[in-house]
Amino acid sequence: MLGIVLAAGGGTRLRPLTDALPKTLLPVEGERTIFELAVANLRAVEITDVVVVTGHAAKLIEDVAPALQQRYGVTLHMVFNERYADWNNAYSLWMARDAFRESALLVNGDTVHPVQVQQRLVDAREAPIMLALDDQKDLGDEEMKVALGADGTLQRINKALDPAAVDGEYIGVSLIEAAAAEPLADALQATFEHDPGLYYEDGYQLLADRGGEIRTAAIGGTHWVEVDNHTDLARAREIACLY
């Protein structure tokens, strides 16, 4: 199994910290960055090859890669998304499609969470795609909300869903089995060709609409945060020391 870290975005809501720095390199525990925590978590579930999709300030991620490779015994493969400034992450995930062929654990490069999240997905491998789901959080407008069917399969995934009518929030960590590689790549391509501004979760939605099986694994009361703004970053620095 390979790892995938999506780290192409500009992190505009974290300016001026991200004027020249990718937000995945923001420190959250001493000198440890969001990116380092992601690499450490993947290594903890025995993943040693990680595809990193870069964009904004990509050179800085490349610069820290050798030290992380030595520290964690991993190999980091950089894939540069030349459209990072104008296209959304459906295209970024599509660029990592070769990693799906061997099964992959996908981590958003701005999510701070403990390794138990990855382990939960690895332990619950019951569908071609498994999503880590926070089924306890109070939801608002910004969360990537998930609605499940009676059989537990994903029916809807979108930020615009009614918080009162969903089953939880997708936290940005997925397990993609090799069997899903081709149909997911096709769905992602159709998604960004329809609208480059769409998320890879819109690709998941299209795949589900086409009959693809996507299920979730609940993470319980795990402390985690998606770092989109300065408040999120402060929260990340509060909880990262707990891991």
Protein backbone atom coordinates (compact mmCIF):
# COMPACT_ATOMS: atom_id res chain seq x y z
CA MET A 1 0.00 0.00 0.00
CA LEU A 2 1.16 3.52 -0.84
CA GLY A 3 0.44 6.83 0.86
CA ILE A 4 -0.86 9.97 -0.81
CA VAL A 5 -0.60 13.47 0.66
CA LEU A 6 -2.38 16.31 -1.12
CA ALA A 7 -0.39 19.47 -0.43
CA ALA A 8 -0.88 21.74 -3.46
CA GLY A 9 -3.22 24.42 -2.13
CA GLY A 10 -2.28 28.02 -1.47
CA GLY A 11 -3.77 28.29 2.03
CA THR A 12 -4.99 31.83 1.36
CA ARG A 13 -7.00 32.07 4.58
CA LEU A 14 -3.78 31.60 6.55
CA ARG A 15 -1.98 34.59 5.09
CA PRO A 16 0.49 36.10 5.80
CA LEU A 17 1.88 32.82 7.19
CA THR A 18 1.34 31.15 3.83
CA ASP A 19 2.48 33.96 1.56
CA ALA A 20 5.64 32.00 0.82
CA LEU A 21 5.04 28.81 2.83
CA PRO A 22 2.72 25.90 2.00
CA LYS A 23 0.30 25.43 4.87
CA THR A 24 1.32 21.79 5.23
CA LEU A 25 4.69 23.10 6.49
CA LEU A 26 3.17 25.16 9.28
CA PRO A 27 4.53 23.91 12.63
CA VAL A 28 1.96 22.48 15.04
CA GLU A 29 4.09 20.75 17.69
CA GLY A 30 7.44 22.40 18.32
CA GLU A 31 9.16 22.22 14.95
CA ARG A 32 6.97 19.33 13.73
CA THR A 33 4.77 20.41 10.84
CA ILE A 34 1.39 19.20 9.59
CA PHE A 35 3.28 17.44 6.80
CA GLU A 36 5.63 15.66 9.16
CA LEU A 37 2.70 14.40 11.24
CA ALA A 38 1.08 13.05 8.06
CA VAL A 39 4.28 11.23 7.07
CA ALA A 40 4.72 9.85 10.59
CA ASN A 41 1.14 8.56 10.65
CA LEU A 42 1.53 6.80 7.31
CA ARG A 43 4.79 5.21 8.42
CA ALA A 44 3.12 4.02 11.63
CA VAL A 45 0.77 1.85 9.54
CA GLU A 46 3.75 0.41 7.65
CA ILE A 47 3.59 2.60 4.55
CA THR A 48 7.05 3.41 3.23
CA ASP A 49 6.28 4.99 -0.17
CA VAL A 50 4.32 8.24 -0.24
CA VAL A 51 3.20 10.29 -3.24
CA VAL A 52 3.05 14.00 -2.41
CA VAL A 53 1.11 16.27 -4.75
CA THR A 54 2.63 19.75 -4.45
CA GLY A 55 1.81 23.16 -5.86
CA HIS A 56 2.19 26.41 -3.89
CA ALA A 57 5.79 26.78 -2.64
CA ALA A 58 6.55 23.25 -3.83
CA LYS A 59 10.30 23.77 -3.55
CA LEU A 60 10.05 24.09 0.22
CA ILE A 61 8.36 20.70 0.51
CA GLU A 62 11.06 19.22 -1.71
CA ASP A 63 13.69 20.78 0.53
CA VAL A 64 12.40 19.11 3.71
CA ALA A 65 11.83 15.73 2.04
CA PRO A 66 15.35 14.29 2.50
CA ALA A 67 15.32 14.83 6.27
CA LEU A 68 11.86 13.27 6.62
CA GLN A 69 12.85 10.33 4.45
CA GLN A 70 15.80 9.62 6.70
CA ARG A 71 13.91 10.22 9.94
CA TYR A 72 10.97 7.94 9.11
CA GLY A 73 12.44 5.45 6.66
CA VAL A 74 10.13 6.44 3.82
CA THR A 75 10.49 7.45 0.20
CA LEU A 76 8.62 10.60 -0.83
CA HIS A 77 7.68 10.90 -4.51
CA MET A 78 6.89 14.49 -5.52
CA VAL A 79 4.23 15.19 -8.16
CA PHE A 80 3.85 18.86 -9.09
CA ASN A 81 0.38 20.18 -9.91
CA GLU A 82 1.00 23.02 -12.32
CA ARG A 83 -2.65 24.10 -12.08
CA TYR A 84 -2.70 24.41 -8.28
CA ALA A 85 -3.53 28.13 -8.33
CA ASP A 86 -6.60 27.82 -10.55
CA TRP A 87 -7.97 24.26 -10.21
CA ASN A 88 -9.30 22.49 -7.15
CA ASN A 89 -8.13 19.21 -5.65
CA ALA A 90 -10.11 16.82 -7.87
CA TYR A 91 -7.27 17.36 -10.32
CA SER A 92 -4.64 16.94 -7.60
CA LEU A 93 -5.97 13.53 -6.60
CA TRP A 94 -6.25 12.49 -10.25
CA MET A 95 -2.55 13.30 -10.66
CA ALA A 96 -1.82 10.64 -7.99
CA ARG A 97 -3.92 8.00 -9.77
CA ASP A 98 -0.98 5.65 -10.35
CA ALA A 99 -0.75 5.16 -6.58
CA PHE A 100 -4.30 3.75 -6.50
CA ARG A 101 -3.24 0.70 -8.46
CA GLU A 102 -1.48 -0.71 -5.39
CA SER A 103 -4.11 0.55 -2.93
CA ALA A 104 -3.44 3.80 -1.12
CA LEU A 105 -4.11 5.74 2.04
CA LEU A 106 -4.99 9.31 1.13
CA VAL A 107 -4.42 12.17 3.58
CA ASN A 108 -5.26 15.81 3.01
CA GLY A 109 -2.10 17.80 3.69
CA ASP A 110 -3.92 20.22 6.00
CA THR A 111 -5.52 17.73 8.41
CA VAL A 112 -4.08 17.17 11.89
CA HIS A 113 -5.16 13.88 13.46
CA PRO A 114 -3.71 10.89 15.31
CA VAL A 115 -2.57 7.66 13.67
CA GLN A 116 -5.65 5.91 15.04
CA VAL A 117 -7.56 7.36 12.09
CA GLN A 118 -5.42 5.54 9.53
CA GLN A 119 -5.43 2.41 11.64
CA ARG A 120 -9.23 2.51 11.82
CA LEU A 121 -9.44 2.52 8.02
CA VAL A 122 -6.88 -0.25 7.65
CA ASP A 123 -8.80 -2.39 10.14
CA ALA A 124 -12.15 -1.73 8.42
CA ARG A 125 -11.28 -2.64 4.83
CA GLU A 126 -14.74 -3.67 3.66
CA ALA A 127 -15.29 -1.63 0.49
CA PRO A 128 -13.30 -0.36 -2.51
CA ILE A 129 -13.19 3.08 -0.89
CA MET A 130 -13.41 3.78 2.84
CA LEU A 131 -13.76 7.28 4.28
CA ALA A 132 -12.90 8.36 7.83
CA LEU A 133 -16.07 9.86 9.30
CA ASP A 134 -16.54 12.05 12.35
CA ASP A 135 -20.05 11.08 13.44
CA GLN A 136 -20.04 13.12 16.64
CA LYS A 137 -19.12 16.68 15.62
CA ASP A 138 -21.65 19.51 15.46
CA LEU A 139 -21.75 20.54 11.81
CA GLY A 140 -22.03 23.89 10.07
CA ASP A 141 -21.66 25.26 6.56
CA GLU A 142 -17.97 24.53 5.93
CA GLU A 143 -17.83 20.84 6.82
CA MET A 144 -17.71 18.15 4.10
CA LYS A 145 -20.91 16.39 5.11
CA VAL A 146 -21.81 12.77 4.37
CA ALA A 147 -25.20 11.11 4.11
CA LEU A 148 -25.36 7.32 4.18
CA GLY A 149 -27.99 4.92 2.93
CA ALA A 150 -29.74 2.30 5.04
CA ASP A 151 -27.06 -0.20 3.98
CA GLY A 152 -24.24 2.08 5.15
CA THR A 153 -23.02 3.08 1.69
CA LEU A 154 -22.33 6.69 0.76
CA GLN A 155 -25.30 8.40 -0.87
CA ARG A 156 -24.28 12.05 -0.73
CA ILE A 157 -21.10 13.97 0.08
CA ASN A 158 -21.15 17.75 -0.12
CA LYS A 159 -20.62 20.82 2.03
CA ALA A 160 -24.08 22.14 1.12
CA LEU A 161 -26.04 19.25 2.68
CA ASP A 162 -28.39 19.95 5.57
CA PRO A 163 -26.43 19.28 8.79
CA ALA A 164 -29.58 17.86 10.38
CA ALA A 165 -29.96 15.24 7.66
CA VAL A 166 -26.45 13.75 7.47
CA ASP A 167 -24.41 11.13 9.28
CA GLY A 168 -21.20 13.06 9.89
CA GLU A 169 -18.21 14.83 8.39
CA TYR A 170 -15.58 13.36 6.10
CA ILE A 171 -12.28 14.37 7.69
CA GLY A 172 -9.98 14.14 4.68
CA VAL A 173 -8.55 10.63 5.09
CA SER A 174 -9.49 7.77 2.73
CA LEU A 175 -8.44 4.23 1.95
CA ILE A 176 -8.63 3.54 -1.79
CA GLU A 177 -8.31 -0.10 -2.81
CA ALA A 178 -6.77 -1.17 -6.11
CA ALA A 179 -10.20 -2.31 -7.33
CA ALA A 180 -11.38 1.32 -7.23
CA ALA A 181 -8.39 2.73 -9.12
CA GLU A 182 -9.76 2.84 -12.65
CA PRO A 183 -13.35 3.89 -11.87
CA LEU A 184 -12.17 6.56 -9.44
CA ALA A 185 -9.65 7.98 -11.90
CA ASP A 186 -12.40 8.13 -14.53
CA ALA A 187 -14.78 9.85 -12.11
CA LEU A 188 -12.15 12.39 -11.05
CA GLN A 189 -11.31 13.20 -14.67
CA ALA A 190 -14.97 13.68 -15.53
CA THR A 191 -15.32 15.90 -12.46
CA PHE A 192 -12.52 18.36 -13.22
CA GLU A 193 -13.29 18.36 -16.93
CA HIS A 194 -16.85 19.39 -16.04
CA ASP A 195 -15.65 22.05 -13.59
CA PRO A 196 -11.99 22.51 -12.55
CA GLY A 197 -13.16 24.16 -9.33
CA LEU A 198 -14.69 21.00 -7.91
CA TYR A 199 -13.34 18.93 -5.02
CA TYR A 200 -12.22 15.31 -5.19
CA GLU A 201 -15.19 14.58 -2.97
CA ASP A 202 -17.30 15.54 -5.99
CA GLY A 203 -15.45 12.74 -7.78
CA TYR A 204 -16.45 10.40 -4.96
CA GLN A 205 -20.04 11.54 -5.46
CA LEU A 206 -19.91 10.83 -9.18
CA LEU A 207 -18.40 7.41 -8.52
CA ALA A 208 -21.21 6.61 -6.06
CA ASP A 209 -23.78 7.85 -8.58
CA ARG A 210 -22.27 5.42 -11.09
CA GLY A 211 -22.76 2.53 -8.68
CA GLY A 212 -19.38 2.52 -6.96
CA GLU A 213 -19.36 1.30 -3.37
CA ILE A 214 -18.04 3.80 -0.83
CA ARG A 215 -18.36 3.17 2.90
CA THR A 216 -17.20 4.93 6.04
CA ALA A 217 -15.39 4.12 9.26
CA ALA A 218 -16.37 6.22 12.28
CA ILE A 219 -13.49 7.71 14.25
CA GLY A 220 -15.47 8.29 17.44
CA GLY A 221 -14.33 11.13 19.66
CA THR A 222 -10.89 11.52 18.08
CA HIS A 223 -9.38 15.00 18.35
CA TRP A 224 -8.63 16.31 14.86
CA VAL A 225 -8.84 19.52 12.84
CA GLU A 226 -8.66 20.64 9.23
CA VAL A 227 -6.40 23.68 9.16
CA ASP A 228 -8.11 26.25 6.96
CA ASN A 229 -7.66 29.44 8.99
CA HIS A 230 -5.84 30.90 11.98
CA THR A 231 -8.40 29.58 14.47
CA ASP A 232 -7.92 26.07 13.07
CA LEU A 233 -4.15 26.44 13.34
CA ALA A 234 -4.44 27.39 17.00
CA ARG A 235 -6.63 24.33 17.58
CA ALA A 236 -4.10 22.12 15.77
CA ARG A 237 -1.37 23.35 18.09
CA GLU A 238 -3.54 22.50 21.10
CA ILE A 239 -4.23 18.92 20.08
CA ALA A 240 -1.06 17.83 18.24
CA CYS A 241 0.76 17.39 21.53
CA LEU A 242 -1.82 14.74 22.51
CA TYR A 243 -0.72 12.29 19.84
